[in-house]
């Protein structure tokens, strides 16, 4: 019955693995390792448990890497920034500490593990936030564009036009695209994650330029272009709280 969740156990190369199976109106078998290390599988009614468990065994390496990662890097709650000295932000998976500097010139710059916000009035929170936002857009555009060029090369056989990059702060999506307008929109929050997580999102969006859906062909292309996409997606969802 669709929507019913059942607990099963499958024997894999790493031993017995418990998993949650939910029958849904989907075209393919989907597997996800949640941050609490629960293995969740959704599958259409027509697919047998035997087929599902064969699929799980084929994903043993991904399951192993994801569960090991979640056990060592637990998810943390996001807190609102005040843009004051001592606060820390994530940049490409590493901590960067904010330091507010009173200055006659106003700008932000990163130096090593610190981000210096130079501002005339250190007590002006709105101005600190504005200077931070300007810097964030610059670094996002620089790094995302670089990643897009690297991923774009993997699609050379498709003769795609290089798309325009747009930035947005989104609360439920990492990215989106308009294949016919040749636009990729990326969430600014991606800058908090390691580079391979950004590459996974960009590869996903580029695949939509070839297959503008989430069909079997789409996922086959994503798997060929970026074989580690499941692991990178799991790391991203663990590290960055939307």
Foldseek 3Di string as FASTA:
>chain_A
DAPDKDWDWAQAPVGIDIAIEGAHPDDAWDWAQALVRHIYIYGHPVDDPVNVNVVVNVCVVLSVLLNVVSVVQFFDDDDDDQQDFPDWAAFQQDTATEHEAADPDFAWDDDPRYIYTYHNDRPPSVSSVVRVVVVLVVVCVVLLVVLLVVLVVLVVVVPADQAAEAEDADQPDQWEDDLVNRYIYGHSLCRRHHPVLSNLNSLLRVLCNVVVDPDPVSVVSSCVSPVSSSNSPSRVPRYGHD
